Amino acid sequence: HSVHTGLRAAAVGLVEGLAWAEILAGLRDQSAQIRLVAVPGPTGSTILDDTYNSSPASCIAALTVLNELAGTGQDRRKIAVLGDMYELGSYEEEAHKLVGRRARDVADLLVTVGRLGRTIGEEALRAGMPAGSVHSVESNAQATELLLTLIEPPPPGDVILVKGSRGLAMEEIVTALQQGRVP
């Protein structure tokens, strides 16, 4: 998302008559608000902490990052921990289904958190994800407890994406995993 914003800013600069050197200097001066951060997890895993907020577009983008970061053929399992996405209005159910279909394409294991998150898991199953690969829970504590039993030691170490709307406070999962305990 930041790349697209930067490209839009550059386009506006060009339209307004700025030189490329001025545009690049302006872009370098801006501190990007990075939301998705890779942090060390338990037993050699990597956690992709994208817990600040969630929308269908940002969730699908984060799943793409999970897919790319874990790579293919490296035996690094991709675990997606996805929670409710709020403030979607009449698009709420379809948005969660869309994310569920993308999760099926990317994740080896899917853990959903919350009532709306359950829709993500149900759609991943409908789209062909194996039943044993989808787990739906109601709370961050339940998600953490489950993850601590699922994460495998290296080599090469699981990659775990944690993403959900701000109201779920899913950063609790990241902190608890790093500490190796249930909140």
N, C-alpha and C. Protein backbone atom coordinates (compact mmCIF):
# COMPACT_ATOMS: atom_id res chain seq x y z
N HIS A 1 0.81 -1.20 0.00
CA HIS A 1 0.00 0.00 0.00
C HIS A 1 0.85 1.26 0.00
N SER A 2 1.98 1.23 0.70
CA SER A 2 2.86 2.40 0.75
C SER A 2 3.45 2.71 -0.61
N VAL A 3 3.76 1.69 -1.40
CA VAL A 3 4.30 1.91 -2.73
C VAL A 3 3.28 2.65 -3.59
N HIS A 4 2.03 2.21 -3.52
CA HIS A 4 0.99 2.88 -4.32
C HIS A 4 0.83 4.33 -3.90
N THR A 5 0.90 4.60 -2.62
CA THR A 5 0.79 5.97 -2.12
C THR A 5 1.95 6.81 -2.62
N GLY A 6 3.16 6.24 -2.58
CA GLY A 6 4.33 6.96 -3.07
C GLY A 6 4.24 7.26 -4.55
N LEU A 7 3.73 6.30 -5.32
CA LEU A 7 3.57 6.52 -6.76
C LEU A 7 2.55 7.61 -7.04
N ARG A 8 1.47 7.63 -6.27
CA ARG A 8 0.47 8.69 -6.44
C ARG A 8 1.07 10.06 -6.12
N ALA A 9 1.86 10.10 -5.04
CA ALA A 9 2.51 11.36 -4.66
C ALA A 9 3.47 11.82 -5.76
N ALA A 10 4.22 10.89 -6.34
CA ALA A 10 5.13 11.23 -7.42
C ALA A 10 4.37 11.76 -8.63
N ALA A 11 3.24 11.13 -8.96
CA ALA A 11 2.43 11.58 -10.09
C ALA A 11 1.92 12.99 -9.88
N VAL A 12 1.46 13.28 -8.68
CA VAL A 12 1.00 14.64 -8.37
C VAL A 12 2.15 15.63 -8.51
N GLY A 13 3.32 15.24 -8.01
CA GLY A 13 4.49 16.11 -8.14
C GLY A 13 4.83 16.42 -9.59
N LEU A 14 4.78 15.40 -10.44
CA LEU A 14 5.07 15.60 -11.86
C LEU A 14 4.05 16.53 -12.51
N VAL A 15 2.77 16.33 -12.19
CA VAL A 15 1.71 17.19 -12.73
C VAL A 15 1.93 18.63 -12.28
N GLU A 16 2.41 18.81 -11.06
CA GLU A 16 2.63 20.15 -10.53
C GLU A 16 3.96 20.76 -10.96
N GLY A 17 4.72 20.03 -11.79
CA GLY A 17 5.93 20.59 -12.36
C GLY A 17 7.20 20.36 -11.55
N LEU A 18 7.18 19.48 -10.57
CA LEU A 18 8.40 19.20 -9.81
C LEU A 18 9.35 18.31 -10.61
N ALA A 19 10.63 18.48 -10.38
CA ALA A 19 11.64 17.62 -11.00
C ALA A 19 11.72 16.31 -10.22
N TRP A 20 12.21 15.26 -10.89
CA TRP A 20 12.32 13.95 -10.22
C TRP A 20 13.19 14.05 -8.96
N ALA A 21 14.23 14.85 -9.01
CA ALA A 21 15.12 15.00 -7.84
C ALA A 21 14.35 15.56 -6.65
N GLU A 22 13.47 16.52 -6.91
CA GLU A 22 12.65 17.09 -5.83
C GLU A 22 11.65 16.07 -5.29
N ILE A 23 11.05 15.30 -6.19
CA ILE A 23 10.08 14.28 -5.78
C ILE A 23 10.75 13.23 -4.92
N LEU A 24 11.91 12.73 -5.38
CA LEU A 24 12.63 11.71 -4.61
C LEU A 24 13.06 12.24 -3.25
N ALA A 25 13.51 13.48 -3.21
CA ALA A 25 13.91 14.06 -1.92
C ALA A 25 12.72 14.14 -0.97
N GLY A 26 11.57 14.52 -1.51
CA GLY A 26 10.36 14.60 -0.69
C GLY A 26 9.93 13.24 -0.17
N LEU A 27 10.01 12.23 -1.03
CA LEU A 27 9.63 10.88 -0.61
C LEU A 27 10.58 10.34 0.45
N ARG A 28 11.87 10.66 0.31
CA ARG A 28 12.85 10.19 1.30
C ARG A 28 12.62 10.83 2.66
N ASP A 29 12.11 12.05 2.68
CA ASP A 29 11.89 12.76 3.93
C ASP A 29 10.68 12.25 4.71
N GLN A 30 9.79 11.57 4.03
CA GLN A 30 8.57 11.10 4.69
C GLN A 30 8.83 9.81 5.44
N SER A 31 8.40 9.76 6.68
CA SER A 31 8.53 8.52 7.44
C SER A 31 7.26 7.72 7.23
N ALA A 32 7.41 6.58 6.59
CA ALA A 32 6.26 5.72 6.33
C ALA A 32 5.76 5.09 7.62
N GLN A 33 4.46 4.99 7.72
CA GLN A 33 3.88 4.30 8.86
C GLN A 33 3.82 2.82 8.52
N ILE A 34 4.83 2.11 8.96
CA ILE A 34 4.90 0.69 8.66
C ILE A 34 4.03 -0.06 9.65
N ARG A 35 3.10 -0.81 9.13
CA ARG A 35 2.18 -1.56 9.96
C ARG A 35 2.59 -3.01 10.07
N LEU A 36 3.05 -3.61 8.98
CA LEU A 36 3.42 -5.01 8.98
C LEU A 36 4.90 -5.12 9.32
N VAL A 37 5.20 -5.74 10.45
CA VAL A 37 6.57 -5.84 10.93
C VAL A 37 6.88 -7.29 11.24
N ALA A 38 8.03 -7.76 10.78
CA ALA A 38 8.47 -9.12 11.10
C ALA A 38 9.21 -9.11 12.43
N VAL A 39 8.77 -9.98 13.35
CA VAL A 39 9.41 -10.08 14.67
C VAL A 39 9.68 -11.56 14.96
N PRO A 40 10.68 -11.84 15.78
CA PRO A 40 10.95 -13.25 16.10
C PRO A 40 9.83 -13.85 16.94
N GLY A 41 9.51 -15.11 16.64
CA GLY A 41 8.49 -15.84 17.39
C GLY A 41 9.10 -17.04 18.09
N PRO A 42 8.27 -17.86 18.68
CA PRO A 42 8.78 -19.02 19.42
C PRO A 42 9.37 -20.09 18.50
N THR A 43 10.30 -20.82 19.01
CA THR A 43 10.96 -21.95 18.35
C THR A 43 11.40 -21.65 16.92
N GLY A 44 12.01 -20.49 16.73
CA GLY A 44 12.56 -20.14 15.43
C GLY A 44 11.56 -19.66 14.40
N SER A 45 10.34 -19.42 14.82
CA SER A 45 9.34 -18.92 13.88
C SER A 45 9.52 -17.42 13.66
N THR A 46 8.87 -16.92 12.62
CA THR A 46 8.83 -15.49 12.34
C THR A 46 7.37 -15.07 12.38
N ILE A 47 7.09 -14.00 13.12
CA ILE A 47 5.73 -13.47 13.20
C ILE A 47 5.64 -12.21 12.35
N LEU A 48 4.67 -12.17 11.47
CA LEU A 48 4.37 -10.95 10.72
C LEU A 48 3.26 -10.24 11.48
N ASP A 49 3.64 -9.23 12.22
CA ASP A 49 2.71 -8.49 13.07
C ASP A 49 2.06 -7.38 12.25
N ASP A 50 0.82 -7.60 11.87
CA ASP A 50 0.04 -6.60 11.13
C ASP A 50 -1.29 -6.42 11.86
N THR A 51 -1.17 -6.15 13.16
CA THR A 51 -2.33 -6.16 14.03
C THR A 51 -3.00 -4.81 14.20
N TYR A 52 -2.48 -3.78 13.57
CA TYR A 52 -3.05 -2.46 13.84
C TYR A 52 -4.49 -2.34 13.36
N ASN A 53 -4.78 -2.84 12.18
CA ASN A 53 -6.14 -2.78 11.66
C ASN A 53 -6.26 -3.74 10.48
N SER A 54 -7.47 -3.91 9.97
CA SER A 54 -7.65 -4.85 8.87
C SER A 54 -8.81 -4.42 7.99
N SER A 55 -8.59 -4.60 6.71
CA SER A 55 -9.63 -4.41 5.69
C SER A 55 -9.42 -5.54 4.69
N PRO A 56 -10.38 -5.78 3.82
CA PRO A 56 -10.18 -6.85 2.83
C PRO A 56 -8.91 -6.64 2.00
N ALA A 57 -8.68 -5.44 1.52
CA ALA A 57 -7.50 -5.18 0.68
C ALA A 57 -6.21 -5.37 1.46
N SER A 58 -6.16 -4.85 2.69
CA SER A 58 -4.93 -4.98 3.47
C SER A 58 -4.70 -6.42 3.91
N CYS A 59 -5.76 -7.15 4.15
CA CYS A 59 -5.63 -8.55 4.56
C CYS A 59 -5.12 -9.40 3.39
N ILE A 60 -5.65 -9.17 2.21
CA ILE A 60 -5.19 -9.90 1.04
C ILE A 60 -3.74 -9.54 0.73
N ALA A 61 -3.38 -8.25 0.88
CA ALA A 61 -1.99 -7.84 0.68
C ALA A 61 -1.07 -8.51 1.70
N ALA A 62 -1.50 -8.59 2.95
CA ALA A 62 -0.69 -9.23 3.99
C ALA A 62 -0.52 -10.73 3.71
N LEU A 63 -1.56 -11.37 3.21
CA LEU A 63 -1.45 -12.79 2.83
C LEU A 63 -0.46 -12.97 1.69
N THR A 64 -0.41 -12.02 0.78
CA THR A 64 0.57 -12.06 -0.30
C THR A 64 1.99 -11.93 0.25
N VAL A 65 2.17 -11.05 1.22
CA VAL A 65 3.48 -10.91 1.86
C VAL A 65 3.86 -12.21 2.57
N LEU A 66 2.91 -12.82 3.28
CA LEU A 66 3.16 -14.10 3.94
C LEU A 66 3.63 -15.12 2.92
N ASN A 67 2.95 -15.21 1.81
CA ASN A 67 3.29 -16.17 0.76
C ASN A 67 4.70 -15.93 0.22
N GLU A 68 5.02 -14.67 -0.03
CA GLU A 68 6.32 -14.33 -0.60
C GLU A 68 7.44 -14.50 0.42
N LEU A 69 7.19 -14.12 1.66
CA LEU A 69 8.24 -14.21 2.68
C LEU A 69 8.56 -15.65 3.04
N ALA A 70 7.55 -16.47 3.12
CA ALA A 70 7.78 -17.88 3.46
C ALA A 70 8.40 -18.62 2.29
N GLY A 71 8.17 -18.11 1.07
CA GLY A 71 8.74 -18.75 -0.12
C GLY A 71 8.05 -20.05 -0.45
N THR A 72 8.49 -20.62 -1.52
CA THR A 72 7.94 -21.91 -1.94
C THR A 72 9.06 -22.93 -1.93
N GLY A 73 8.73 -24.14 -1.56
CA GLY A 73 9.70 -25.21 -1.57
C GLY A 73 10.71 -25.14 -0.44
N GLN A 74 10.50 -24.29 0.53
CA GLN A 74 11.45 -24.15 1.64
C GLN A 74 10.96 -24.86 2.90
N ASP A 75 9.84 -25.53 2.82
CA ASP A 75 9.27 -26.23 3.96
C ASP A 75 8.98 -25.31 5.14
N ARG A 76 8.80 -24.03 4.89
CA ARG A 76 8.38 -23.10 5.94
C ARG A 76 6.87 -23.01 5.87
N ARG A 77 6.22 -23.50 6.92
CA ARG A 77 4.76 -23.45 6.92
C ARG A 77 4.28 -22.03 7.04
N LYS A 78 3.20 -21.74 6.34
CA LYS A 78 2.57 -20.43 6.38
C LYS A 78 1.32 -20.54 7.23
N ILE A 79 1.34 -19.84 8.36
CA ILE A 79 0.21 -19.86 9.27
C ILE A 79 -0.42 -18.47 9.26
N ALA A 80 -1.70 -18.41 8.92
CA ALA A 80 -2.44 -17.14 8.92
C ALA A 80 -3.38 -17.13 10.12
N VAL A 81 -3.23 -16.11 10.95
CA VAL A 81 -4.12 -15.89 12.10
C VAL A 81 -4.91 -14.63 11.76
N LEU A 82 -6.16 -14.82 11.39
CA LEU A 82 -6.96 -13.71 10.87
C LEU A 82 -8.20 -13.50 11.72
N GLY A 83 -8.43 -12.25 12.06
CA GLY A 83 -9.59 -11.92 12.88
C GLY A 83 -10.61 -11.09 12.12
N ASP A 84 -11.66 -10.73 12.85
CA ASP A 84 -12.74 -9.92 12.31
C ASP A 84 -12.22 -8.67 11.62
N MET A 85 -12.92 -8.27 10.57
CA MET A 85 -12.72 -6.97 9.93
C MET A 85 -14.00 -6.18 10.17
N TYR A 86 -13.87 -5.03 10.80
CA TYR A 86 -15.04 -4.24 11.17
C TYR A 86 -15.29 -3.12 10.16
N GLU A 87 -16.45 -2.48 10.32
CA GLU A 87 -16.84 -1.29 9.57
C GLU A 87 -16.92 -1.53 8.07
N LEU A 88 -17.48 -2.68 7.68
CA LEU A 88 -17.61 -3.00 6.26
C LEU A 88 -19.04 -2.90 5.75
N GLY A 89 -19.97 -2.59 6.65
CA GLY A 89 -21.36 -2.42 6.25
C GLY A 89 -21.94 -3.64 5.58
N SER A 90 -22.67 -3.42 4.50
CA SER A 90 -23.34 -4.52 3.80
C SER A 90 -22.35 -5.45 3.10
N TYR A 91 -21.10 -5.05 2.99
CA TYR A 91 -20.06 -5.85 2.35
C TYR A 91 -19.39 -6.82 3.33
N GLU A 92 -19.81 -6.79 4.59
CA GLU A 92 -19.15 -7.53 5.67
C GLU A 92 -18.98 -9.02 5.36
N GLU A 93 -20.05 -9.71 5.05
CA GLU A 93 -19.97 -11.16 4.84
C GLU A 93 -19.14 -11.49 3.59
N GLU A 94 -19.40 -10.82 2.49
CA GLU A 94 -18.67 -11.11 1.26
C GLU A 94 -17.18 -10.80 1.42
N ALA A 95 -16.84 -9.74 2.15
CA ALA A 95 -15.43 -9.39 2.37
C ALA A 95 -14.70 -10.49 3.13
N HIS A 96 -15.34 -11.04 4.16
CA HIS A 96 -14.71 -12.12 4.92
C HIS A 96 -14.59 -13.39 4.07
N LYS A 97 -15.55 -13.64 3.21
CA LYS A 97 -15.48 -14.79 2.31
C LYS A 97 -14.33 -14.62 1.31
N LEU A 98 -14.18 -13.42 0.79
CA LEU A 98 -13.09 -13.14 -0.15
C LEU A 98 -11.73 -13.44 0.49
N VAL A 99 -11.55 -12.99 1.73
CA VAL A 99 -10.31 -13.24 2.45
C VAL A 99 -10.13 -14.74 2.70
N GLY A 100 -11.22 -15.43 2.99
CA GLY A 100 -11.15 -16.88 3.20
C GLY A 100 -10.67 -17.62 1.96
N ARG A 101 -11.13 -17.19 0.80
CA ARG A 101 -10.68 -17.82 -0.45
C ARG A 101 -9.20 -17.57 -0.69
N ARG A 102 -8.75 -16.37 -0.40
CA ARG A 102 -7.31 -16.06 -0.56
C ARG A 102 -6.48 -16.83 0.46
N ALA A 103 -6.98 -16.94 1.68
CA ALA A 103 -6.26 -17.69 2.72
C ALA A 103 -6.08 -19.14 2.29
N ARG A 104 -7.09 -19.71 1.67
CA ARG A 104 -6.99 -21.09 1.18
C ARG A 104 -5.86 -21.23 0.17
N ASP A 105 -5.66 -20.21 -0.65
CA ASP A 105 -4.60 -20.25 -1.66
C ASP A 105 -3.20 -20.12 -1.06
N VAL A 106 -3.09 -19.50 0.11
CA VAL A 106 -1.78 -19.15 0.67
C VAL A 106 -1.39 -19.98 1.88
N ALA A 107 -2.28 -20.10 2.84
CA ALA A 107 -1.91 -20.64 4.16
C ALA A 107 -1.90 -22.16 4.20
N ASP A 108 -0.95 -22.68 4.96
CA ASP A 108 -0.94 -24.11 5.28
C ASP A 108 -1.86 -24.38 6.46
N LEU A 109 -1.89 -23.42 7.38
CA LEU A 109 -2.78 -23.48 8.55
C LEU A 109 -3.48 -22.14 8.68
N LEU A 110 -4.75 -22.17 9.03
CA LEU A 110 -5.54 -20.96 9.21
C LEU A 110 -6.19 -21.00 10.58
N VAL A 111 -5.94 -19.96 11.36
CA VAL A 111 -6.59 -19.80 12.66
C VAL A 111 -7.40 -18.51 12.58
N THR A 112 -8.71 -18.61 12.80
CA THR A 112 -9.53 -17.40 12.76
C THR A 112 -9.98 -17.05 14.18
N VAL A 113 -10.12 -15.74 14.40
CA VAL A 113 -10.50 -15.24 15.71
C VAL A 113 -11.76 -14.39 15.56
N GLY A 114 -12.77 -14.69 16.37
CA GLY A 114 -13.98 -13.88 16.40
C GLY A 114 -15.10 -14.42 15.54
N ARG A 115 -16.26 -13.80 15.71
CA ARG A 115 -17.47 -14.23 15.00
C ARG A 115 -17.32 -14.05 13.49
N LEU A 116 -16.84 -12.90 13.06
CA LEU A 116 -16.67 -12.65 11.63
C LEU A 116 -15.49 -13.44 11.07
N GLY A 117 -14.47 -13.62 11.89
CA GLY A 117 -13.33 -14.42 11.48
C GLY A 117 -13.74 -15.84 11.13
N ARG A 118 -14.73 -16.34 11.84
CA ARG A 118 -15.23 -17.69 11.57
C ARG A 118 -15.70 -17.81 10.11
N THR A 119 -16.25 -16.73 9.56
CA THR A 119 -16.68 -16.73 8.15
C THR A 119 -15.48 -16.94 7.23
N ILE A 120 -14.34 -16.38 7.59
CA ILE A 120 -13.11 -16.58 6.80
C ILE A 120 -12.79 -18.06 6.75
N GLY A 121 -12.81 -18.71 7.91
CA GLY A 121 -12.50 -20.14 7.99
C GLY A 121 -13.50 -20.99 7.24
N GLU A 122 -14.77 -20.66 7.38
CA GLU A 122 -15.82 -21.44 6.69
C GLU A 122 -15.65 -21.35 5.18
N GLU A 123 -15.31 -20.16 4.69
CA GLU A 123 -15.14 -20.00 3.24
C GLU A 123 -13.86 -20.69 2.76
N ALA A 124 -12.81 -20.68 3.55
CA ALA A 124 -11.58 -21.40 3.18
C ALA A 124 -11.88 -22.89 3.04
N LEU A 125 -12.69 -23.42 3.95
CA LEU A 125 -13.09 -24.83 3.87
C LEU A 125 -13.91 -25.09 2.61
N ARG A 126 -14.89 -24.22 2.35
CA ARG A 126 -15.73 -24.36 1.15
C ARG A 126 -14.89 -24.32 -0.12
N ALA A 127 -13.79 -23.53 -0.07
CA ALA A 127 -12.93 -23.38 -1.24
C ALA A 127 -11.93 -24.53 -1.38
N GLY A 128 -11.94 -25.46 -0.42
CA GLY A 128 -11.10 -26.64 -0.56
C GLY A 128 -9.95 -26.79 0.40
N MET A 129 -9.83 -25.91 1.38
CA MET A 129 -8.77 -26.07 2.37
C MET A 129 -9.09 -27.29 3.24
N PRO A 130 -8.12 -28.14 3.53
CA PRO A 130 -8.39 -29.33 4.35
C PRO A 130 -8.94 -28.97 5.73
N ALA A 131 -9.92 -29.72 6.20
CA ALA A 131 -10.59 -29.43 7.47
C ALA A 131 -9.60 -29.34 8.64
N GLY A 132 -8.59 -30.20 8.66
CA GLY A 132 -7.63 -30.18 9.76
C GLY A 132 -6.70 -28.99 9.74
N SER A 133 -6.78 -28.18 8.69
CA SER A 133 -5.92 -27.00 8.57
C SER A 133 -6.60 -25.71 8.98
N VAL A 134 -7.89 -25.79 9.35
CA VAL A 134 -8.65 -24.59 9.71
C VAL A 134 -9.13 -24.73 11.15
N HIS A 135 -8.83 -23.70 11.95
CA HIS A 135 -9.22 -23.67 13.36
C HIS A 135 -9.87 -22.33 13.64
N SER A 136 -11.07 -22.34 14.22
CA SER A 136 -11.75 -21.10 14.57
C SER A 136 -11.90 -21.02 16.08
N VAL A 137 -11.51 -19.86 16.62
CA VAL A 137 -11.60 -19.63 18.06
C VAL A 137 -12.27 -18.29 18.31
N GLU A 138 -12.63 -18.06 19.56
CA GLU A 138 -13.34 -16.83 19.90
C GLU A 138 -12.46 -15.76 20.52
N SER A 139 -11.29 -16.14 21.06
CA SER A 139 -10.50 -15.15 21.80
C SER A 139 -9.02 -15.23 21.44
N ASN A 140 -8.31 -14.17 21.78
CA ASN A 140 -6.87 -14.12 21.58
C ASN A 140 -6.17 -15.19 22.42
N ALA A 141 -6.64 -15.41 23.63
CA ALA A 141 -6.04 -16.43 24.50
C ALA A 141 -6.18 -17.81 23.87
N GLN A 142 -7.36 -18.11 23.33
CA GLN A 142 -7.56 -19.40 22.67
C GLN A 142 -6.66 -19.54 21.45
N ALA A 143 -6.53 -18.46 20.68
CA ALA A 143 -5.66 -18.49 19.50
C ALA A 143 -4.22 -18.74 19.90
N THR A 144 -3.75 -18.05 20.94
CA THR A 144 -2.37 -18.21 21.39
C THR A 144 -2.12 -19.63 21.88
N GLU A 145 -3.02 -20.13 22.69
CA GLU A 145 -2.87 -21.49 23.21
C GLU A 145 -2.78 -22.50 22.07
N LEU A 146 -3.64 -22.36 21.09
CA LEU A 146 -3.62 -23.25 19.94
C LEU A 146 -2.32 -23.11 19.15
N LEU A 147 -1.91 -21.88 18.89
CA LEU A 147 -0.69 -21.65 18.13
C LEU A 147 0.54 -22.24 18.81
N LEU A 148 0.59 -22.13 20.12
CA LEU A 148 1.75 -22.67 20.85
C LEU A 148 1.85 -24.18 20.69
N THR A 149 0.74 -24.85 20.40
CA THR A 149 0.78 -26.29 20.15
C THR A 149 1.05 -26.61 18.68
N LEU A 150 0.75 -25.66 17.78
CA LEU A 150 0.89 -25.91 16.35
C LEU A 150 2.26 -25.54 15.78
N ILE A 151 2.90 -24.53 16.37
CA ILE A 151 4.17 -24.03 15.82
C ILE A 151 5.24 -25.11 15.96
N GLU A 152 5.89 -25.38 14.84
CA GLU A 152 6.92 -26.42 14.83
C GLU A 152 8.30 -25.79 14.93
N PRO A 153 9.22 -26.50 15.57
CA PRO A 153 10.59 -25.98 15.68
C PRO A 153 11.31 -26.00 14.34
N PRO A 154 12.36 -25.21 14.24
CA PRO A 154 13.13 -25.20 13.00
C PRO A 154 13.93 -26.48 12.87
N PRO A 155 14.56 -26.79 11.75
CA PRO A 155 14.51 -25.89 10.62
C PRO A 155 13.26 -26.10 9.79
N PRO A 156 12.86 -25.19 8.98
CA PRO A 156 13.37 -23.83 8.87
C PRO A 156 12.55 -22.82 9.66
N GLY A 157 11.47 -23.20 10.32
CA GLY A 157 10.70 -22.26 11.13
C GLY A 157 9.46 -21.76 10.41
N ASP A 158 8.34 -21.78 11.13
CA ASP A 158 7.08 -21.31 10.56
C ASP A 158 7.07 -19.80 10.39
N VAL A 159 6.25 -19.33 9.45
CA VAL A 159 6.00 -17.90 9.30
C VAL A 159 4.53 -17.69 9.62
N ILE A 160 4.26 -16.79 10.57
CA ILE A 160 2.93 -16.62 11.13
C ILE A 160 2.47 -15.18 10.90
N LEU A 161 1.41 -15.00 10.13
CA LEU A 161 0.80 -13.69 9.94
C LEU A 161 -0.31 -13.52 10.97
N VAL A 162 -0.28 -12.41 11.72
CA VAL A 162 -1.35 -12.10 12.67
C VAL A 162 -1.97 -10.78 12.24
N LYS A 163 -3.28 -10.82 11.89
CA LYS A 163 -3.95 -9.63 11.36
C LYS A 163 -5.43 -9.63 11.74
N GLY A 164 -5.92 -8.49 12.17
CA GLY A 164 -7.33 -8.33 12.50
C GLY A 164 -7.64 -6.89 12.80
N SER A 165 -8.90 -6.57 12.92
CA SER A 165 -9.29 -5.20 13.21
C SER A 165 -8.81 -4.76 14.58
N ARG A 166 -8.63 -3.48 14.71
CA ARG A 166 -8.11 -2.87 15.93
C ARG A 166 -8.89 -3.30 17.17
N GLY A 167 -10.20 -3.44 17.05
CA GLY A 167 -11.04 -3.78 18.19
C GLY A 167 -10.74 -5.14 18.80
N LEU A 168 -10.07 -6.02 18.07
CA LEU A 168 -9.74 -7.34 18.61
C LEU A 168 -8.46 -7.34 19.45
N ALA A 169 -7.66 -6.29 19.35
CA ALA A 169 -6.40 -6.20 20.10
C ALA A 169 -5.52 -7.43 19.88
N MET A 170 -5.37 -7.82 18.61
CA MET A 170 -4.63 -9.05 18.30
C MET A 170 -3.13 -8.94 18.56
N GLU A 171 -2.67 -7.73 18.88
CA GLU A 171 -1.27 -7.60 19.29
C GLU A 171 -0.99 -8.43 20.55
N GLU A 172 -2.06 -8.71 21.32
CA GLU A 172 -1.92 -9.59 22.49
C GLU A 172 -1.40 -10.97 22.08
N ILE A 173 -1.81 -11.45 20.92
CA ILE A 173 -1.34 -12.75 20.43
C ILE A 173 0.15 -12.68 20.13
N VAL A 174 0.57 -11.62 19.46
CA VAL A 174 1.99 -11.47 19.10
C VAL A 174 2.84 -11.44 20.37
N THR A 175 2.46 -10.61 21.32
CA THR A 175 3.21 -10.49 22.57
C THR A 175 3.26 -11.82 23.31
N ALA A 176 2.13 -12.47 23.41
CA ALA A 176 2.07 -13.75 24.14
C ALA A 176 2.92 -14.81 23.44
N LEU A 177 2.88 -14.86 22.12
CA LEU A 177 3.71 -15.83 21.39
C LEU A 177 5.19 -15.57 21.63
N GLN A 178 5.57 -14.30 21.61
CA GLN A 178 6.97 -13.96 21.84
C GLN A 178 7.41 -14.36 23.25
N GLN A 179 6.49 -14.31 24.18
CA GLN A 179 6.80 -14.68 25.56
C GLN A 179 6.55 -16.16 25.83
N GLY A 180 5.98 -16.85 24.84
CA GLY A 180 5.73 -18.28 24.98
C GLY A 180 4.69 -18.63 26.03
N ARG A 181 3.70 -17.76 26.17
CA ARG A 181 2.68 -17.99 27.19
C ARG A 181 1.32 -17.56 26.68
N VAL A 182 0.28 -18.06 27.30
CA VAL A 182 -1.08 -17.68 26.96
C VAL A 182 -1.44 -16.44 27.77
N PRO A 183 -2.02 -15.42 27.12
CA PRO A 183 -2.36 -14.17 27.86
C PRO A 183 -3.45 -14.39 28.89
